[in-house]
Amino acid sequence: MGSPRAKAALLAALLAAATAAGIAVTGGGEGEPSGPSRPPASATTEERGVQYPPSPDEAAAIDRTLDAVASGEPLPYEEDGGTFFNREGLLPERPTGYYREYTVETSGSPDRGARRLVIGEGAEIYYTSDHYASFHRLDPEAYP
């Protein structure tokens, strides 16, 4: 898929279609974190050894996942597209069903690995490389 702007526009269109199909869209905008959300009090992202920004290989995997979501192509795991419940409380509080999660492939992993994208109905995109222990908000305009 082309530019980050085109990707963001397509994601927004998909979310608009979901809204038209009867899925409520609430929140977004004001009050949203502009950077990483707060890590658990027990450790910072850096202390856990989480790399951010992602390596070029990791960034390419994120980009492939975003392309697959935006194009509607089949995703490799049954859980992809499922509700993310925000049980950790690290993302802004929203109604159940607002967030969807997607696997970001990890080369050499025998299972889904720890990497996920969480996309909100307002087209906000969060990335976790440590299975929900911390999140980084991705800017679709700046992301490769």
C-alpha atoms as a PDB file:
ATOM      1  CA  MET A   1       0.000   0.000   0.000  1.00  0.00           C
ATOM      2  CA  GLY A   2       1.221   3.536  -0.633  1.00  0.00           C
ATOM      3  CA  SER A   3       1.898   6.363   1.751  1.00  0.00           C
ATOM      4  CA  PRO A   4       1.059   6.482   5.442  1.00  0.00           C
ATOM      5  CA  ARG A   5      -1.522   9.158   4.603  1.00  0.00           C
ATOM      6  CA  ALA A   6      -3.241   6.780   2.139  1.00  0.00           C
ATOM      7  CA  LYS A   7      -3.113   3.984   4.719  1.00  0.00           C
ATOM      8  CA  ALA A   8      -4.661   6.220   7.388  1.00  0.00           C
ATOM      9  CA  ALA A   9      -7.362   7.352   4.951  1.00  0.00           C
ATOM     10  CA  LEU A  10      -8.206   3.764   4.058  1.00  0.00           C
ATOM     11  CA  LEU A  11      -8.349   2.738   7.720  1.00  0.00           C
ATOM     12  CA  ALA A  12     -10.621   5.703   8.420  1.00  0.00           C
ATOM     13  CA  ALA A  13     -12.874   4.669   5.522  1.00  0.00           C
ATOM     14  CA  LEU A  14     -13.047   1.107   6.832  1.00  0.00           C
ATOM     15  CA  LEU A  15     -13.933   2.386  10.274  1.00  0.00           C
ATOM     16  CA  ALA A  16     -16.594   4.666   8.759  1.00  0.00           C
ATOM     17  CA  ALA A  17     -18.078   1.652   6.990  1.00  0.00           C
ATOM     18  CA  ALA A  18     -18.166  -0.201  10.312  1.00  0.00           C
ATOM     19  CA  THR A  19     -19.976   2.764  11.840  1.00  0.00           C
ATOM     20  CA  ALA A  20     -22.490   2.754   8.990  1.00  0.00           C
ATOM     21  CA  ALA A  21     -23.055  -0.935   9.699  1.00  0.00           C
ATOM     22  CA  GLY A  22     -24.165  -0.043  13.214  1.00  0.00           C
ATOM     23  CA  ILE A  23     -20.965  -0.127  15.253  1.00  0.00           C
ATOM     24  CA  ALA A  24     -20.897   2.900  17.538  1.00  0.00           C
ATOM     25  CA  VAL A  25     -17.851   5.158  17.328  1.00  0.00           C
ATOM     26  CA  THR A  26     -17.155   7.277  20.385  1.00  0.00           C
ATOM     27  CA  GLY A  27     -14.271   9.268  21.812  1.00  0.00           C
ATOM     28  CA  GLY A  28     -11.013  10.017  20.060  1.00  0.00           C
ATOM     29  CA  GLY A  29      -9.143  13.266  19.792  1.00  0.00           C
ATOM     30  CA  GLU A  30      -8.878  15.378  22.912  1.00  0.00           C
ATOM     31  CA  GLY A  31      -7.432  13.611  25.911  1.00  0.00           C
ATOM     32  CA  GLU A  32      -5.647  11.001  23.788  1.00  0.00           C
ATOM     33  CA  PRO A  33      -2.009  10.411  24.600  1.00  0.00           C
ATOM     34  CA  SER A  34       0.346  11.689  21.926  1.00  0.00           C
ATOM     35  CA  GLY A  35       3.204   9.377  22.806  1.00  0.00           C
ATOM     36  CA  PRO A  36       3.781   6.165  24.700  1.00  0.00           C
ATOM     37  CA  SER A  37       1.122   5.393  27.274  1.00  0.00           C
ATOM     38  CA  ARG A  38       2.173   4.890  30.857  1.00  0.00           C
ATOM     39  CA  PRO A  39       4.062   1.663  31.534  1.00  0.00           C
ATOM     40  CA  PRO A  40       3.297  -0.396  34.628  1.00  0.00           C
ATOM     41  CA  ALA A  41       4.759   1.160  37.756  1.00  0.00           C
ATOM     42  CA  SER A  42       7.055  -1.831  38.183  1.00  0.00           C
ATOM     43  CA  ALA A  43       9.199  -1.099  35.109  1.00  0.00           C
ATOM     44  CA  THR A  44       9.648   1.350  32.287  1.00  0.00           C
ATOM     45  CA  THR A  45       9.639   0.277  28.660  1.00  0.00           C
ATOM     46  CA  GLU A  46      13.395   0.831  28.502  1.00  0.00           C
ATOM     47  CA  GLU A  47      13.996  -1.223  31.654  1.00  0.00           C
ATOM     48  CA  ARG A  48      12.153  -4.144  30.070  1.00  0.00           C
ATOM     49  CA  GLY A  49      14.417  -3.874  27.033  1.00  0.00           C
ATOM     50  CA  VAL A  50      11.630  -2.994  24.621  1.00  0.00           C
ATOM     51  CA  GLN A  51      13.048  -1.383  21.528  1.00  0.00           C
ATOM     52  CA  TYR A  52      11.324   1.742  20.284  1.00  0.00           C
ATOM     53  CA  PRO A  53      11.336   2.974  17.647  1.00  0.00           C
ATOM     54  CA  PRO A  54      11.173  -0.477  16.120  1.00  0.00           C
ATOM     55  CA  SER A  55      14.017  -1.992  14.130  1.00  0.00           C
ATOM     56  CA  PRO A  56      13.697  -1.874  10.328  1.00  0.00           C
ATOM     57  CA  ASP A  57      12.532  -5.527  10.261  1.00  0.00           C
ATOM     58  CA  GLU A  58       9.963  -4.874  12.980  1.00  0.00           C
ATOM     59  CA  ALA A  59       8.783  -1.703  11.205  1.00  0.00           C
ATOM     60  CA  ALA A  60       8.354  -3.691   7.986  1.00  0.00           C
ATOM     61  CA  ALA A  61       6.250  -6.281   9.867  1.00  0.00           C
ATOM     62  CA  ILE A  62       4.089  -3.499  11.316  1.00  0.00           C
ATOM     63  CA  ASP A  63       3.671  -2.033   7.837  1.00  0.00           C
ATOM     64  CA  ARG A  64       2.647  -5.429   6.399  1.00  0.00           C
ATOM     65  CA  THR A  65       0.045  -5.840   9.142  1.00  0.00           C
ATOM     66  CA  LEU A  66      -1.357  -2.343   8.521  1.00  0.00           C
ATOM     67  CA  ASP A  67      -1.506  -3.080   4.776  1.00  0.00           C
ATOM     68  CA  ALA A  68      -3.363  -6.351   5.394  1.00  0.00           C
ATOM     69  CA  VAL A  69      -5.872  -4.699   7.730  1.00  0.00           C
ATOM     70  CA  ALA A  70      -6.433  -1.755   5.385  1.00  0.00           C
ATOM     71  CA  SER A  71      -6.877  -3.962   2.304  1.00  0.00           C
ATOM     72  CA  GLY A  72      -9.153  -6.449   4.049  1.00  0.00           C
ATOM     73  CA  GLU A  73      -6.961  -9.396   3.067  1.00  0.00           C
ATOM     74  CA  PRO A  74      -7.189 -12.538   5.201  1.00  0.00           C
ATOM     75  CA  LEU A  75      -5.073 -12.407   8.339  1.00  0.00           C
ATOM     76  CA  PRO A  76      -3.039 -15.378   9.554  1.00  0.00           C
ATOM     77  CA  TYR A  77      -4.503 -15.840  13.034  1.00  0.00           C
ATOM     78  CA  GLU A  78      -8.072 -16.463  14.136  1.00  0.00           C
ATOM     79  CA  GLU A  79      -7.688 -13.850  16.896  1.00  0.00           C
ATOM     80  CA  ASP A  80      -6.791 -11.073  14.433  1.00  0.00           C
ATOM     81  CA  GLY A  81      -9.519  -8.464  14.313  1.00  0.00           C
ATOM     82  CA  GLY A  82     -10.881  -9.581  17.662  1.00  0.00           C
ATOM     83  CA  THR A  83     -11.832  -7.213  20.446  1.00  0.00           C
ATOM     84  CA  PHE A  84      -8.993  -5.853  22.551  1.00  0.00           C
ATOM     85  CA  PHE A  85     -10.438  -5.369  26.034  1.00  0.00           C
ATOM     86  CA  ASN A  86      -7.758  -3.024  27.461  1.00  0.00           C
ATOM     87  CA  ARG A  87      -7.691  -5.026  30.688  1.00  0.00           C
ATOM     88  CA  GLU A  88      -4.278  -3.517  31.455  1.00  0.00           C
ATOM     89  CA  GLY A  89      -5.833  -0.037  31.421  1.00  0.00           C
ATOM     90  CA  LEU A  90      -2.927   1.424  29.443  1.00  0.00           C
ATOM     91  CA  LEU A  91      -4.997   2.799  26.561  1.00  0.00           C
ATOM     92  CA  PRO A  92      -7.645   5.502  26.883  1.00  0.00           C
ATOM     93  CA  GLU A  93     -10.836   4.058  28.347  1.00  0.00           C
ATOM     94  CA  ARG A  94     -13.416   3.308  25.651  1.00  0.00           C
ATOM     95  CA  PRO A  95     -16.513   1.116  25.392  1.00  0.00           C
ATOM     96  CA  THR A  96     -15.980  -2.617  24.902  1.00  0.00           C
ATOM     97  CA  GLY A  97     -15.500  -3.343  21.212  1.00  0.00           C
ATOM     98  CA  TYR A  98     -13.852   0.009  20.442  1.00  0.00           C
ATOM     99  CA  TYR A  99     -10.371  -1.513  20.068  1.00  0.00           C
ATOM    100  CA  ARG A 100      -9.377  -4.383  17.736  1.00  0.00           C
ATOM    101  CA  GLU A 101      -6.090  -6.279  17.929  1.00  0.00           C
ATOM    102  CA  TYR A 102      -3.880  -7.660  15.163  1.00  0.00           C
ATOM    103  CA  THR A 103      -0.775  -9.843  15.222  1.00  0.00           C
ATOM    104  CA  VAL A 104       2.504  -8.377  13.996  1.00  0.00           C
ATOM    105  CA  GLU A 105       4.552 -11.323  12.742  1.00  0.00           C
ATOM    106  CA  THR A 106       7.739 -12.169  14.621  1.00  0.00           C
ATOM    107  CA  SER A 107      10.277 -13.963  12.435  1.00  0.00           C
ATOM    108  CA  GLY A 108      11.224 -17.333  13.867  1.00  0.00           C
ATOM    109  CA  SER A 109       8.464 -17.384  16.484  1.00  0.00           C
ATOM    110  CA  PRO A 110       6.655 -20.745  16.741  1.00  0.00           C
ATOM    111  CA  ASP A 111       3.433 -18.928  17.722  1.00  0.00           C
ATOM    112  CA  ARG A 112       1.878 -15.467  17.419  1.00  0.00           C
ATOM    113  CA  GLY A 113       4.682 -13.905  19.419  1.00  0.00           C
ATOM    114  CA  ALA A 114       4.255 -10.792  21.577  1.00  0.00           C
ATOM    115  CA  ARG A 115       3.840  -8.074  18.954  1.00  0.00           C
ATOM    116  CA  ARG A 116       0.407  -6.571  18.356  1.00  0.00           C
ATOM    117  CA  LEU A 117      -1.269  -3.592  16.789  1.00  0.00           C
ATOM    118  CA  VAL A 118      -4.355  -2.286  18.527  1.00  0.00           C
ATOM    119  CA  ILE A 119      -6.537  -0.064  16.349  1.00  0.00           C
ATOM    120  CA  GLY A 120      -9.352   2.060  17.713  1.00  0.00           C
ATOM    121  CA  GLU A 121     -12.537   2.988  15.904  1.00  0.00           C
ATOM    122  CA  GLY A 122     -11.234   6.554  15.737  1.00  0.00           C
ATOM    123  CA  ALA A 123      -8.320   5.256  13.589  1.00  0.00           C
ATOM    124  CA  GLU A 124      -5.753   5.595  16.378  1.00  0.00           C
ATOM    125  CA  ILE A 125      -3.049   2.928  16.182  1.00  0.00           C
ATOM    126  CA  TYR A 126      -1.092   1.544  19.128  1.00  0.00           C
ATOM    127  CA  TYR A 127       1.823  -0.888  18.980  1.00  0.00           C
ATOM    128  CA  THR A 128       3.062  -3.262  21.661  1.00  0.00           C
ATOM    129  CA  SER A 129       6.135  -5.440  21.292  1.00  0.00           C
ATOM    130  CA  ASP A 130       5.842  -6.873  24.816  1.00  0.00           C
ATOM    131  CA  HIS A 131       2.345  -8.403  24.776  1.00  0.00           C
ATOM    132  CA  TYR A 132       0.419  -5.459  26.249  1.00  0.00           C
ATOM    133  CA  ALA A 133       2.897  -4.461  28.979  1.00  0.00           C
ATOM    134  CA  SER A 134       3.426  -1.121  27.186  1.00  0.00           C
ATOM    135  CA  PHE A 135       2.122   0.681  24.114  1.00  0.00           C
ATOM    136  CA  HIS A 136       3.416   3.265  21.672  1.00  0.00           C
ATOM    137  CA  ARG A 137       0.957   5.320  19.662  1.00  0.00           C
ATOM    138  CA  LEU A 138       1.887   5.305  15.992  1.00  0.00           C
ATOM    139  CA  ASP A 139       1.383   8.427  13.944  1.00  0.00           C
ATOM    140  CA  PRO A 140       0.022   7.271  10.556  1.00  0.00           C
ATOM    141  CA  GLU A 141       1.405  10.457   8.981  1.00  0.00           C
ATOM    142  CA  ALA A 142       4.959   9.803  10.156  1.00  0.00           C
ATOM    143  CA  TYR A 143       5.104   6.018  10.191  1.00  0.00           C
ATOM    144  CA  PRO A 144       7.112   4.417   7.355  1.00  0.00           C
END
